[in-house]
Amino acid sequence: GWKVTEQYNSRYMLKGNLLMGDVSLTIVN
């Protein structure tokens, strides 16, 4: 809820403001 605790692939990231409830997924490249 506050930060990413597990990330299985560096190409998948959460760039939104987690504290505002924006948990949109960004797929890089």
mmCIF file of all heavy atoms, coordinates in Angstrom:
data_MODEL
# 
_entry.id   MODEL 
# 
loop_
_atom_site.group_PDB 
_atom_site.id 
_atom_site.type_symbol 
_atom_site.label_atom_id 
_atom_site.label_alt_id 
_atom_site.label_comp_id 
_atom_site.label_asym_id 
_atom_site.label_entity_id 
_atom_site.label_seq_id 
_atom_site.pdbx_PDB_ins_code 
_atom_site.Cartn_x 
_atom_site.Cartn_y 
_atom_site.Cartn_z 
_atom_site.occupancy 
_atom_site.B_iso_or_equiv 
_atom_site.pdbx_formal_charge 
_atom_site.auth_seq_id 
_atom_site.auth_comp_id 
_atom_site.auth_asym_id 
_atom_site.auth_atom_id 
_atom_site.pdbx_PDB_model_num 
ATOM 1   N N   . GLY A 1 1  ? 0.816  -1.215  0.000   1.00 0.00 ? 1  GLY A N   1 
ATOM 2   C CA  . GLY A 1 1  ? 0.000  0.000   0.000   1.00 0.00 ? 1  GLY A CA  1 
ATOM 3   C C   . GLY A 1 1  ? 0.846  1.260   0.000   1.00 0.00 ? 1  GLY A C   1 
ATOM 4   O O   . GLY A 1 1  ? 0.436  2.287   -0.503  1.00 0.00 ? 1  GLY A O   1 
ATOM 5   N N   . TRP A 1 2  ? 2.036  1.166   0.576   1.00 0.00 ? 2  TRP A N   1 
ATOM 6   C CA  . TRP A 1 2  ? 2.923  2.330   0.689   1.00 0.00 ? 2  TRP A CA  1 
ATOM 7   C C   . TRP A 1 2  ? 4.053  2.258   -0.315  1.00 0.00 ? 2  TRP A C   1 
ATOM 8   O O   . TRP A 1 2  ? 4.511  3.272   -0.826  1.00 0.00 ? 2  TRP A O   1 
ATOM 9   C CB  . TRP A 1 2  ? 3.498  2.419   2.109   1.00 0.00 ? 2  TRP A CB  1 
ATOM 10  C CG  . TRP A 1 2  ? 2.426  2.482   3.149   1.00 0.00 ? 2  TRP A CG  1 
ATOM 11  C CD1 . TRP A 1 2  ? 1.774  1.416   3.718   1.00 0.00 ? 2  TRP A CD1 1 
ATOM 12  C CD2 . TRP A 1 2  ? 1.840  3.655   3.737   1.00 0.00 ? 2  TRP A CD2 1 
ATOM 13  N NE1 . TRP A 1 2  ? 0.832  1.867   4.614   1.00 0.00 ? 2  TRP A NE1 1 
ATOM 14  C CE2 . TRP A 1 2  ? 0.850  3.223   4.653   1.00 0.00 ? 2  TRP A CE2 1 
ATOM 15  C CE3 . TRP A 1 2  ? 2.082  5.027   3.573   1.00 0.00 ? 2  TRP A CE3 1 
ATOM 16  C CZ2 . TRP A 1 2  ? 0.093  4.127   5.401   1.00 0.00 ? 2  TRP A CZ2 1 
ATOM 17  C CZ3 . TRP A 1 2  ? 1.324  5.913   4.323   1.00 0.00 ? 2  TRP A CZ3 1 
ATOM 18  C CH2 . TRP A 1 2  ? 0.341  5.469   5.222   1.00 0.00 ? 2  TRP A CH2 1 
ATOM 19  N N   . LYS A 1 3  ? 4.517  1.027   -0.568  1.00 0.00 ? 3  LYS A N   1 
ATOM 20  C CA  . LYS A 1 3  ? 5.642  0.863   -1.492  1.00 0.00 ? 3  LYS A CA  1 
ATOM 21  C C   . LYS A 1 3  ? 5.566  -0.531  -2.105  1.00 0.00 ? 3  LYS A C   1 
ATOM 22  O O   . LYS A 1 3  ? 4.875  -1.416  -1.588  1.00 0.00 ? 3  LYS A O   1 
ATOM 23  C CB  . LYS A 1 3  ? 6.970  1.060   -0.760  1.00 0.00 ? 3  LYS A CB  1 
ATOM 24  C CG  . LYS A 1 3  ? 7.212  0.017   0.321   1.00 0.00 ? 3  LYS A CG  1 
ATOM 25  C CD  . LYS A 1 3  ? 8.495  0.288   1.091   1.00 0.00 ? 3  LYS A CD  1 
ATOM 26  C CE  . LYS A 1 3  ? 8.763  -0.816  2.124   1.00 0.00 ? 3  LYS A CE  1 
ATOM 27  N NZ  . LYS A 1 3  ? 7.647  -1.048  3.052   1.00 0.00 ? 3  LYS A NZ  1 
ATOM 28  N N   . VAL A 1 4  ? 6.286  -0.707  -3.204  1.00 0.00 ? 4  VAL A N   1 
ATOM 29  C CA  . VAL A 1 4  ? 6.366  -2.022  -3.835  1.00 0.00 ? 4  VAL A CA  1 
ATOM 30  C C   . VAL A 1 4  ? 7.227  -2.918  -2.950  1.00 0.00 ? 4  VAL A C   1 
ATOM 31  O O   . VAL A 1 4  ? 8.348  -2.559  -2.598  1.00 0.00 ? 4  VAL A O   1 
ATOM 32  C CB  . VAL A 1 4  ? 6.969  -1.904  -5.248  1.00 0.00 ? 4  VAL A CB  1 
ATOM 33  C CG1 . VAL A 1 4  ? 7.237  -3.279  -5.846  1.00 0.00 ? 4  VAL A CG1 1 
ATOM 34  C CG2 . VAL A 1 4  ? 6.027  -1.117  -6.156  1.00 0.00 ? 4  VAL A CG2 1 
ATOM 35  N N   . THR A 1 5  ? 6.687  -4.069  -2.555  1.00 0.00 ? 5  THR A N   1 
ATOM 36  C CA  . THR A 1 5  ? 7.424  -4.981  -1.675  1.00 0.00 ? 5  THR A CA  1 
ATOM 37  C C   . THR A 1 5  ? 8.017  -6.153  -2.449  1.00 0.00 ? 5  THR A C   1 
ATOM 38  O O   . THR A 1 5  ? 9.015  -6.715  -2.044  1.00 0.00 ? 5  THR A O   1 
ATOM 39  C CB  . THR A 1 5  ? 6.509  -5.513  -0.566  1.00 0.00 ? 5  THR A CB  1 
ATOM 40  O OG1 . THR A 1 5  ? 5.310  -6.027  -1.170  1.00 0.00 ? 5  THR A OG1 1 
ATOM 41  C CG2 . THR A 1 5  ? 6.150  -4.413  0.407   1.00 0.00 ? 5  THR A CG2 1 
ATOM 42  N N   . GLU A 1 6  ? 7.380  -6.545  -3.547  1.00 0.00 ? 6  GLU A N   1 
ATOM 43  C CA  . GLU A 1 6  ? 7.922  -7.615  -4.382  1.00 0.00 ? 6  GLU A CA  1 
ATOM 44  C C   . GLU A 1 6  ? 7.756  -7.222  -5.834  1.00 0.00 ? 6  GLU A C   1 
ATOM 45  O O   . GLU A 1 6  ? 6.700  -6.737  -6.236  1.00 0.00 ? 6  GLU A O   1 
ATOM 46  C CB  . GLU A 1 6  ? 7.175  -8.940  -4.136  1.00 0.00 ? 6  GLU A CB  1 
ATOM 47  C CG  . GLU A 1 6  ? 7.428  -9.560  -2.779  1.00 0.00 ? 6  GLU A CG  1 
ATOM 48  C CD  . GLU A 1 6  ? 6.599  -10.824 -2.581  1.00 0.00 ? 6  GLU A CD  1 
ATOM 49  O OE1 . GLU A 1 6  ? 6.620  -11.690 -3.471  1.00 0.00 ? 6  GLU A OE1 1 
ATOM 50  O OE2 . GLU A 1 6  ? 5.927  -10.924 -1.547  1.00 0.00 ? 6  GLU A OE2 1 
ATOM 51  N N   . GLN A 1 7  ? 8.803  -7.425  -6.602  1.00 0.00 ? 7  GLN A N   1 
ATOM 52  C CA  . GLN A 1 7  ? 8.767  -7.094  -8.023  1.00 0.00 ? 7  GLN A CA  1 
ATOM 53  C C   . GLN A 1 7  ? 9.485  -8.222  -8.741  1.00 0.00 ? 7  GLN A C   1 
ATOM 54  O O   . GLN A 1 7  ? 10.654 -8.491  -8.476  1.00 0.00 ? 7  GLN A O   1 
ATOM 55  C CB  . GLN A 1 7  ? 9.475  -5.758  -8.252  1.00 0.00 ? 7  GLN A CB  1 
ATOM 56  C CG  . GLN A 1 7  ? 9.358  -5.240  -9.667  1.00 0.00 ? 7  GLN A CG  1 
ATOM 57  C CD  . GLN A 1 7  ? 10.030 -3.873  -9.815  1.00 0.00 ? 7  GLN A CD  1 
ATOM 58  O OE1 . GLN A 1 7  ? 10.821 -3.484  -8.969  1.00 0.00 ? 7  GLN A OE1 1 
ATOM 59  N NE2 . GLN A 1 7  ? 9.718  -3.164  -10.876 1.00 0.00 ? 7  GLN A NE2 1 
ATOM 60  N N   . TYR A 1 8  ? 8.755  -8.919  -9.604  1.00 0.00 ? 8  TYR A N   1 
ATOM 61  C CA  . TYR A 1 8  ? 9.296  -10.131 -10.199 1.00 0.00 ? 8  TYR A CA  1 
ATOM 62  C C   . TYR A 1 8  ? 10.001 -9.877  -11.523 1.00 0.00 ? 8  TYR A C   1 
ATOM 63  O O   . TYR A 1 8  ? 10.640 -10.757 -12.057 1.00 0.00 ? 8  TYR A O   1 
ATOM 64  C CB  . TYR A 1 8  ? 8.169  -11.158 -10.381 1.00 0.00 ? 8  TYR A CB  1 
ATOM 65  C CG  . TYR A 1 8  ? 7.645  -11.656 -9.056  1.00 0.00 ? 8  TYR A CG  1 
ATOM 66  C CD1 . TYR A 1 8  ? 6.669  -10.951 -8.362  1.00 0.00 ? 8  TYR A CD1 1 
ATOM 67  C CD2 . TYR A 1 8  ? 8.155  -12.815 -8.478  1.00 0.00 ? 8  TYR A CD2 1 
ATOM 68  C CE1 . TYR A 1 8  ? 6.211  -11.395 -7.137  1.00 0.00 ? 8  TYR A CE1 1 
ATOM 69  C CE2 . TYR A 1 8  ? 7.694  -13.262 -7.251  1.00 0.00 ? 8  TYR A CE2 1 
ATOM 70  C CZ  . TYR A 1 8  ? 6.721  -12.553 -6.584  1.00 0.00 ? 8  TYR A CZ  1 
ATOM 71  O OH  . TYR A 1 8  ? 6.260  -12.981 -5.367  1.00 0.00 ? 8  TYR A OH  1 
ATOM 72  N N   . ASN A 1 9  ? 9.859  -8.683  -12.050 1.00 0.00 ? 9  ASN A N   1 
ATOM 73  C CA  . ASN A 1 9  ? 10.487 -8.361  -13.329 1.00 0.00 ? 9  ASN A CA  1 
ATOM 74  C C   . ASN A 1 9  ? 10.629 -6.845  -13.388 1.00 0.00 ? 9  ASN A C   1 
ATOM 75  O O   . ASN A 1 9  ? 9.658  -6.125  -13.173 1.00 0.00 ? 9  ASN A O   1 
ATOM 76  C CB  . ASN A 1 9  ? 9.604  -8.870  -14.475 1.00 0.00 ? 9  ASN A CB  1 
ATOM 77  C CG  . ASN A 1 9  ? 10.241 -8.685  -15.839 1.00 0.00 ? 9  ASN A CG  1 
ATOM 78  O OD1 . ASN A 1 9  ? 10.949 -7.712  -16.092 1.00 0.00 ? 9  ASN A OD1 1 
ATOM 79  N ND2 . ASN A 1 9  ? 9.986  -9.622  -16.736 1.00 0.00 ? 9  ASN A ND2 1 
ATOM 80  N N   . SER A 1 10 ? 11.846 -6.374  -13.677 1.00 0.00 ? 10 SER A N   1 
ATOM 81  C CA  . SER A 1 10 ? 12.074 -4.927  -13.633 1.00 0.00 ? 10 SER A CA  1 
ATOM 82  C C   . SER A 1 10 ? 11.306 -4.182  -14.720 1.00 0.00 ? 10 SER A C   1 
ATOM 83  O O   . SER A 1 10 ? 11.189 -2.968  -14.678 1.00 0.00 ? 10 SER A O   1 
ATOM 84  C CB  . SER A 1 10 ? 13.578 -4.644  -13.769 1.00 0.00 ? 10 SER A CB  1 
ATOM 85  O OG  . SER A 1 10 ? 14.055 -5.219  -14.972 1.00 0.00 ? 10 SER A OG  1 
ATOM 86  N N   . ARG A 1 11 ? 10.755 -4.909  -15.700 1.00 0.00 ? 11 ARG A N   1 
ATOM 87  C CA  . ARG A 1 11 ? 9.980  -4.237  -16.750 1.00 0.00 ? 11 ARG A CA  1 
ATOM 88  C C   . ARG A 1 11 ? 8.573  -3.884  -16.292 1.00 0.00 ? 11 ARG A C   1 
ATOM 89  O O   . ARG A 1 11 ? 7.871  -3.151  -16.971 1.00 0.00 ? 11 ARG A O   1 
ATOM 90  C CB  . ARG A 1 11 ? 9.905  -5.119  -17.999 1.00 0.00 ? 11 ARG A CB  1 
ATOM 91  C CG  . ARG A 1 11 ? 11.241 -5.230  -18.735 1.00 0.00 ? 11 ARG A CG  1 
ATOM 92  C CD  . ARG A 1 11 ? 11.153 -6.143  -19.937 1.00 0.00 ? 11 ARG A CD  1 
ATOM 93  N NE  . ARG A 1 11 ? 9.968  -5.895  -20.713 1.00 0.00 ? 11 ARG A NE  1 
ATOM 94  C CZ  . ARG A 1 11 ? 8.944  -6.756  -20.823 1.00 0.00 ? 11 ARG A CZ  1 
ATOM 95  N NH1 . ARG A 1 11 ? 8.971  -7.915  -20.207 1.00 0.00 ? 11 ARG A NH1 1 
ATOM 96  N NH2 . ARG A 1 11 ? 7.909  -6.460  -21.563 1.00 0.00 ? 11 ARG A NH2 1 
ATOM 97  N N   . TYR A 1 12 ? 8.159  -4.434  -15.162 1.00 0.00 ? 12 TYR A N   1 
ATOM 98  C CA  . TYR A 1 12 ? 6.831  -4.116  -14.623 1.00 0.00 ? 12 TYR A CA  1 
ATOM 99  C C   . TYR A 1 12 ? 7.011  -3.193  -13.431 1.00 0.00 ? 12 TYR A C   1 
ATOM 100 O O   . TYR A 1 12 ? 7.690  -3.543  -12.473 1.00 0.00 ? 12 TYR A O   1 
ATOM 101 C CB  . TYR A 1 12 ? 6.117  -5.389  -14.167 1.00 0.00 ? 12 TYR A CB  1 
ATOM 102 C CG  . TYR A 1 12 ? 5.857  -6.394  -15.249 1.00 0.00 ? 12 TYR A CG  1 
ATOM 103 C CD1 . TYR A 1 12 ? 6.405  -7.665  -15.205 1.00 0.00 ? 12 TYR A CD1 1 
ATOM 104 C CD2 . TYR A 1 12 ? 5.035  -6.069  -16.326 1.00 0.00 ? 12 TYR A CD2 1 
ATOM 105 C CE1 . TYR A 1 12 ? 6.153  -8.604  -16.199 1.00 0.00 ? 12 TYR A CE1 1 
ATOM 106 C CE2 . TYR A 1 12 ? 4.776  -6.991  -17.321 1.00 0.00 ? 12 TYR A CE2 1 
ATOM 107 C CZ  . TYR A 1 12 ? 5.340  -8.256  -17.256 1.00 0.00 ? 12 TYR A CZ  1 
ATOM 108 O OH  . TYR A 1 12 ? 5.083  -9.170  -18.240 1.00 0.00 ? 12 TYR A OH  1 
ATOM 109 N N   . MET A 1 13 ? 6.409  -2.021  -13.483 1.00 0.00 ? 13 MET A N   1 
ATOM 110 C CA  . MET A 1 13 ? 6.556  -1.100  -12.361 1.00 0.00 ? 13 MET A CA  1 
ATOM 111 C C   . MET A 1 13 ? 5.283  -0.309  -12.109 1.00 0.00 ? 13 MET A C   1 
ATOM 112 O O   . MET A 1 13 ? 4.419  -0.202  -12.986 1.00 0.00 ? 13 MET A O   1 
ATOM 113 C CB  . MET A 1 13 ? 7.749  -0.171  -12.568 1.00 0.00 ? 13 MET A CB  1 
ATOM 114 C CG  . MET A 1 13 ? 7.795  0.524   -13.912 1.00 0.00 ? 13 MET A CG  1 
ATOM 115 S SD  . MET A 1 13 ? 9.322  1.486   -14.119 1.00 0.00 ? 13 MET A SD  1 
ATOM 116 C CE  . MET A 1 13 ? 10.566 0.225   -14.062 1.00 0.00 ? 13 MET A CE  1 
ATOM 117 N N   . LEU A 1 14 ? 5.182  0.220   -10.897 1.00 0.00 ? 14 LEU A N   1 
ATOM 118 C CA  . LEU A 1 14 ? 4.061  1.088   -10.529 1.00 0.00 ? 14 LEU A CA  1 
ATOM 119 C C   . LEU A 1 14 ? 4.606  2.500   -10.454 1.00 0.00 ? 14 LEU A C   1 
ATOM 120 O O   . LEU A 1 14 ? 5.420  2.805   -9.591  1.00 0.00 ? 14 LEU A O   1 
ATOM 121 C CB  . LEU A 1 14 ? 3.470  0.660   -9.176  1.00 0.00 ? 14 LEU A CB  1 
ATOM 122 C CG  . LEU A 1 14 ? 2.975  -0.781  -9.100  1.00 0.00 ? 14 LEU A CG  1 
ATOM 123 C CD1 . LEU A 1 14 ? 2.331  -1.041  -7.740  1.00 0.00 ? 14 LEU A CD1 1 
ATOM 124 C CD2 . LEU A 1 14 ? 1.987  -1.099  -10.201 1.00 0.00 ? 14 LEU A CD2 1 
ATOM 125 N N   . LYS A 1 15 ? 4.155  3.332   -11.389 1.00 0.00 ? 15 LYS A N   1 
ATOM 126 C CA  . LYS A 1 15 ? 4.691  4.689   -11.448 1.00 0.00 ? 15 LYS A CA  1 
ATOM 127 C C   . LYS A 1 15 ? 3.726  5.700   -10.847 1.00 0.00 ? 15 LYS A C   1 
ATOM 128 O O   . LYS A 1 15 ? 4.058  6.867   -10.684 1.00 0.00 ? 15 LYS A O   1 
ATOM 129 C CB  . LYS A 1 15 ? 4.977  5.077   -12.902 1.00 0.00 ? 15 LYS A CB  1 
ATOM 130 C CG  . LYS A 1 15 ? 6.164  4.331   -13.501 1.00 0.00 ? 15 LYS A CG  1 
ATOM 131 C CD  . LYS A 1 15 ? 6.454  4.842   -14.905 1.00 0.00 ? 15 LYS A CD  1 
ATOM 132 C CE  . LYS A 1 15 ? 7.838  4.433   -15.386 1.00 0.00 ? 15 LYS A CE  1 
ATOM 133 N NZ  . LYS A 1 15 ? 8.114  4.966   -16.723 1.00 0.00 ? 15 LYS A NZ  1 
ATOM 134 N N   . GLY A 1 16 ? 2.513  5.252   -10.539 1.00 0.00 ? 16 GLY A N   1 
ATOM 135 C CA  . GLY A 1 16 ? 1.508  6.169   -9.998  1.00 0.00 ? 16 GLY A CA  1 
ATOM 136 C C   . GLY A 1 16 ? 1.764  6.467   -8.531  1.00 0.00 ? 16 GLY A C   1 
ATOM 137 O O   . GLY A 1 16 ? 2.660  5.904   -7.898  1.00 0.00 ? 16 GLY A O   1 
ATOM 138 N N   . ASN A 1 17 ? 0.941  7.341   -7.961  1.00 0.00 ? 17 ASN A N   1 
ATOM 139 C CA  . ASN A 1 17 ? 1.041  7.693   -6.545  1.00 0.00 ? 17 ASN A CA  1 
ATOM 140 C C   . ASN A 1 17 ? 0.264  6.657   -5.737  1.00 0.00 ? 17 ASN A C   1 
ATOM 141 O O   . ASN A 1 17 ? -0.966 6.710   -5.661  1.00 0.00 ? 17 ASN A O   1 
ATOM 142 C CB  . ASN A 1 17 ? 0.483  9.101   -6.327  1.00 0.00 ? 17 ASN A CB  1 
ATOM 143 C CG  . ASN A 1 17 ? 0.689  9.570   -4.897  1.00 0.00 ? 17 ASN A CG  1 
ATOM 144 O OD1 . ASN A 1 17 ? 0.844  8.774   -3.973  1.00 0.00 ? 17 ASN A OD1 1 
ATOM 145 N ND2 . ASN A 1 17 ? 0.676  10.873  -4.705  1.00 0.00 ? 17 ASN A ND2 1 
ATOM 146 N N   . LEU A 1 18 ? 0.992  5.693   -5.157  1.00 0.00 ? 18 LEU A N   1 
ATOM 147 C CA  . LEU A 1 18 ? 0.333  4.611   -4.424  1.00 0.00 ? 18 LEU A CA  1 
ATOM 148 C C   . LEU A 1 18 ? -0.545 5.146   -3.294  1.00 0.00 ? 18 LEU A C   1 
ATOM 149 O O   . LEU A 1 18 ? -1.616 4.606   -3.020  1.00 0.00 ? 18 LEU A O   1 
ATOM 150 C CB  . LEU A 1 18 ? 1.379  3.655   -3.833  1.00 0.00 ? 18 LEU A CB  1 
ATOM 151 C CG  . LEU A 1 18 ? 2.305  2.937   -4.820  1.00 0.00 ? 18 LEU A CG  1 
ATOM 152 C CD1 . LEU A 1 18 ? 3.241  2.006   -4.058  1.00 0.00 ? 18 LEU A CD1 1 
ATOM 153 C CD2 . LEU A 1 18 ? 1.521  2.165   -5.854  1.00 0.00 ? 18 LEU A CD2 1 
ATOM 154 N N   . LEU A 1 19 ? -0.088 6.209   -2.620  1.00 0.00 ? 19 LEU A N   1 
ATOM 155 C CA  . LEU A 1 19 ? -0.818 6.726   -1.465  1.00 0.00 ? 19 LEU A CA  1 
ATOM 156 C C   . LEU A 1 19 ? -2.133 7.376   -1.870  1.00 0.00 ? 19 LEU A C   1 
ATOM 157 O O   . LEU A 1 19 ? -2.988 7.631   -1.033  1.00 0.00 ? 19 LEU A O   1 
ATOM 158 C CB  . LEU A 1 19 ? 0.053  7.723   -0.696  1.00 0.00 ? 19 LEU A CB  1 
ATOM 159 C CG  . LEU A 1 19 ? 1.434  7.196   -0.270  1.00 0.00 ? 19 LEU A CG  1 
ATOM 160 C CD1 . LEU A 1 19 ? 2.176  8.224   0.565   1.00 0.00 ? 19 LEU A CD1 1 
ATOM 161 C CD2 . LEU A 1 19 ? 1.308  5.878   0.477   1.00 0.00 ? 19 LEU A CD2 1 
ATOM 162 N N   . MET A 1 20 ? -2.300 7.643   -3.161  1.00 0.00 ? 20 MET A N   1 
ATOM 163 C CA  . MET A 1 20 ? -3.563 8.184   -3.665  1.00 0.00 ? 20 MET A CA  1 
ATOM 164 C C   . MET A 1 20 ? -4.411 7.084   -4.303  1.00 0.00 ? 20 MET A C   1 
ATOM 165 O O   . MET A 1 20 ? -5.424 7.369   -4.932  1.00 0.00 ? 20 MET A O   1 
ATOM 166 C CB  . MET A 1 20 ? -3.304 9.293   -4.699  1.00 0.00 ? 20 MET A CB  1 
ATOM 167 C CG  . MET A 1 20 ? -2.493 10.460  -4.171  1.00 0.00 ? 20 MET A CG  1 
ATOM 168 S SD  . MET A 1 20 ? -3.320 11.338  -2.823  1.00 0.00 ? 20 MET A SD  1 
ATOM 169 C CE  . MET A 1 20 ? -4.636 12.139  -3.735  1.00 0.00 ? 20 MET A CE  1 
ATOM 170 N N   . GLY A 1 21 ? -3.963 5.848   -4.179  1.00 0.00 ? 21 GLY A N   1 
ATOM 171 C CA  . GLY A 1 21 ? -4.744 4.742   -4.727  1.00 0.00 ? 21 GLY A CA  1 
ATOM 172 C C   . GLY A 1 21 ? -4.507 4.488   -6.200  1.00 0.00 ? 21 GLY A C   1 
ATOM 173 O O   . GLY A 1 21 ? -5.257 3.743   -6.829  1.00 0.00 ? 21 GLY A O   1 
ATOM 174 N N   . ASP A 1 22 ? -3.455 5.110   -6.767  1.00 0.00 ? 22 ASP A N   1 
ATOM 175 C CA  . ASP A 1 22 ? -3.136 4.865   -8.175  1.00 0.00 ? 22 ASP A CA  1 
ATOM 176 C C   . ASP A 1 22 ? -2.148 3.702   -8.239  1.00 0.00 ? 22 ASP A C   1 
ATOM 177 O O   . ASP A 1 22 ? -0.968 3.859   -7.962  1.00 0.00 ? 22 ASP A O   1 
ATOM 178 C CB  . ASP A 1 22 ? -2.528 6.113   -8.819  1.00 0.00 ? 22 ASP A CB  1 
ATOM 179 C CG  . ASP A 1 22 ? -2.186 5.892   -10.295 1.00 0.00 ? 22 ASP A CG  1 
ATOM 180 O OD1 . ASP A 1 22 ? -2.313 4.747   -10.780 1.00 0.00 ? 22 ASP A OD1 1 
ATOM 181 O OD2 . ASP A 1 22 ? -1.787 6.866   -10.964 1.00 0.00 ? 22 ASP A OD2 1 
ATOM 182 N N   . VAL A 1 23 ? -2.686 2.524   -8.562  1.00 0.00 ? 23 VAL A N   1 
ATOM 183 C CA  . VAL A 1 23 ? -1.848 1.319   -8.616  1.00 0.00 ? 23 VAL A CA  1 
ATOM 184 C C   . VAL A 1 23 ? -1.758 0.814   -10.055 1.00 0.00 ? 23 VAL A C   1 
ATOM 185 O O   . VAL A 1 23 ? -1.634 -0.381  -10.302 1.00 0.00 ? 23 VAL A O   1 
ATOM 186 C CB  . VAL A 1 23 ? -2.394 0.232   -7.660  1.00 0.00 ? 23 VAL A CB  1 
ATOM 187 C CG1 . VAL A 1 23 ? -2.157 0.640   -6.216  1.00 0.00 ? 23 VAL A CG1 1 
ATOM 188 C CG2 . VAL A 1 23 ? -3.881 -0.024  -7.899  1.00 0.00 ? 23 VAL A CG2 1 
ATOM 189 N N   . SER A 1 24 ? -1.828 1.753   -11.001 1.00 0.00 ? 24 SER A N   1 
ATOM 190 C CA  . SER A 1 24 ? -1.735 1.386   -12.417 1.00 0.00 ? 24 SER A CA  1 
ATOM 191 C C   . SER A 1 24 ? -0.380 0.740   -12.708 1.00 0.00 ? 24 SER A C   1 
ATOM 192 O O   . SER A 1 24 ? 0.644  1.156   -12.166 1.00 0.00 ? 24 SER A O   1 
ATOM 193 C CB  . SER A 1 24 ? -1.919 2.627   -13.295 1.00 0.00 ? 24 SER A CB  1 
ATOM 194 O OG  . SER A 1 24 ? -3.179 3.211   -13.036 1.00 0.00 ? 24 SER A OG  1 
ATOM 195 N N   . LEU A 1 25 ? -0.414 -0.259  -13.566 1.00 0.00 ? 25 LEU A N   1 
ATOM 196 C CA  . LEU A 1 25 ? 0.798  -1.018  -13.901 1.00 0.00 ? 25 LEU A CA  1 
ATOM 197 C C   . LEU A 1 25 ? 1.413  -0.459  -15.177 1.00 0.00 ? 25 LEU A C   1 
ATOM 198 O O   . LEU A 1 25 ? 0.722  -0.284  -16.181 1.00 0.00 ? 25 LEU A O   1 
ATOM 199 C CB  . LEU A 1 25 ? 0.438  -2.488  -14.124 1.00 0.00 ? 25 LEU A CB  1 
ATOM 200 C CG  . LEU A 1 25 ? 1.567  -3.399  -14.589 1.00 0.00 ? 25 LEU A CG  1 
ATOM 201 C CD1 . LEU A 1 25 ? 2.538  -3.663  -13.450 1.00 0.00 ? 25 LEU A CD1 1 
ATOM 202 C CD2 . LEU A 1 25 ? 1.003  -4.724  -15.111 1.00 0.00 ? 25 LEU A CD2 1 
ATOM 203 N N   . THR A 1 26 ? 2.702  -0.161  -15.141 1.00 0.00 ? 26 THR A N   1 
ATOM 204 C CA  . THR A 1 26 ? 3.414  0.254   -16.345 1.00 0.00 ? 26 THR A CA  1 
ATOM 205 C C   . THR A 1 26 ? 4.296  -0.899  -16.815 1.00 0.00 ? 26 THR A C   1 
ATOM 206 O O   . THR A 1 26 ? 5.077  -1.450  -16.036 1.00 0.00 ? 26 THR A O   1 
ATOM 207 C CB  . THR A 1 26 ? 4.271  1.506   -16.094 1.00 0.00 ? 26 THR A CB  1 
ATOM 208 O OG1 . THR A 1 26 ? 3.409  2.577   -15.708 1.00 0.00 ? 26 THR A OG1 1 
ATOM 209 C CG2 . THR A 1 26 ? 5.037  1.912   -17.349 1.00 0.00 ? 26 THR A CG2 1 
ATOM 210 N N   . ILE A 1 27 ? 4.116  -1.283  -18.076 1.00 0.00 ? 27 ILE A N   1 
ATOM 211 C CA  . ILE A 1 27 ? 4.955  -2.304  -18.700 1.00 0.00 ? 27 ILE A CA  1 
ATOM 212 C C   . ILE A 1 27 ? 5.954  -1.561  -19.575 1.00 0.00 ? 27 ILE A C   1 
ATOM 213 O O   . ILE A 1 27 ? 5.564  -0.876  -20.522 1.00 0.00 ? 27 ILE A O   1 
ATOM 214 C CB  . ILE A 1 27 ? 4.117  -3.272  -19.555 1.00 0.00 ? 27 ILE A CB  1 
ATOM 215 C CG1 . ILE A 1 27 ? 3.001  -3.899  -18.718 1.00 0.00 ? 27 ILE A CG1 1 
ATOM 216 C CG2 . ILE A 1 27 ? 5.004  -4.342  -20.190 1.00 0.00 ? 27 ILE A CG2 1 
ATOM 217 C CD1 . ILE A 1 27 ? 1.980  -4.693  -19.544 1.00 0.00 ? 27 ILE A CD1 1 
ATOM 218 N N   . VAL A 1 28 ? 7.226  -1.673  -19.225 1.00 0.00 ? 28 VAL A N   1 
ATOM 219 C CA  . VAL A 1 28 ? 8.267  -0.932  -19.933 1.00 0.00 ? 28 VAL A CA  1 
ATOM 220 C C   . VAL A 1 28 ? 8.734  -1.753  -21.129 1.00 0.00 ? 28 VAL A C   1 
ATOM 221 O O   . VAL A 1 28 ? 8.949  -2.958  -21.017 1.00 0.00 ? 28 VAL A O   1 
ATOM 222 C CB  . VAL A 1 28 ? 9.447  -0.632  -18.985 1.00 0.00 ? 28 VAL A CB  1 
ATOM 223 C CG1 . VAL A 1 28 ? 10.566 0.086   -19.720 1.00 0.00 ? 28 VAL A CG1 1 
ATOM 224 C CG2 . VAL A 1 28 ? 8.966  0.191   -17.802 1.00 0.00 ? 28 VAL A CG2 1 
ATOM 225 N N   . ASN A 1 29 ? 8.856  -1.073  -22.276 1.00 0.00 ? 29 ASN A N   1 
ATOM 226 C CA  . ASN A 1 29 ? 9.412  -1.722  -23.466 1.00 0.00 ? 29 ASN A CA  1 
ATOM 227 C C   . ASN A 1 29 ? 8.634  -3.007  -23.786 1.00 0.00 ? 29 ASN A C   1 
ATOM 228 O O   . ASN A 1 29 ? 9.182  -4.110  -23.788 1.00 0.00 ? 29 ASN A O   1 
ATOM 229 C CB  . ASN A 1 29 ? 10.899 -2.016  -23.236 1.00 0.00 ? 29 ASN A CB  1 
ATOM 230 C CG  . ASN A 1 29 ? 11.610 -2.358  -24.536 1.00 0.00 ? 29 ASN A CG  1 
ATOM 231 O OD1 . ASN A 1 29 ? 11.070 -2.169  -25.625 1.00 0.00 ? 29 ASN A OD1 1 
ATOM 232 N ND2 . ASN A 1 29 ? 12.813 -2.881  -24.432 1.00 0.00 ? 29 ASN A ND2 1 
# 
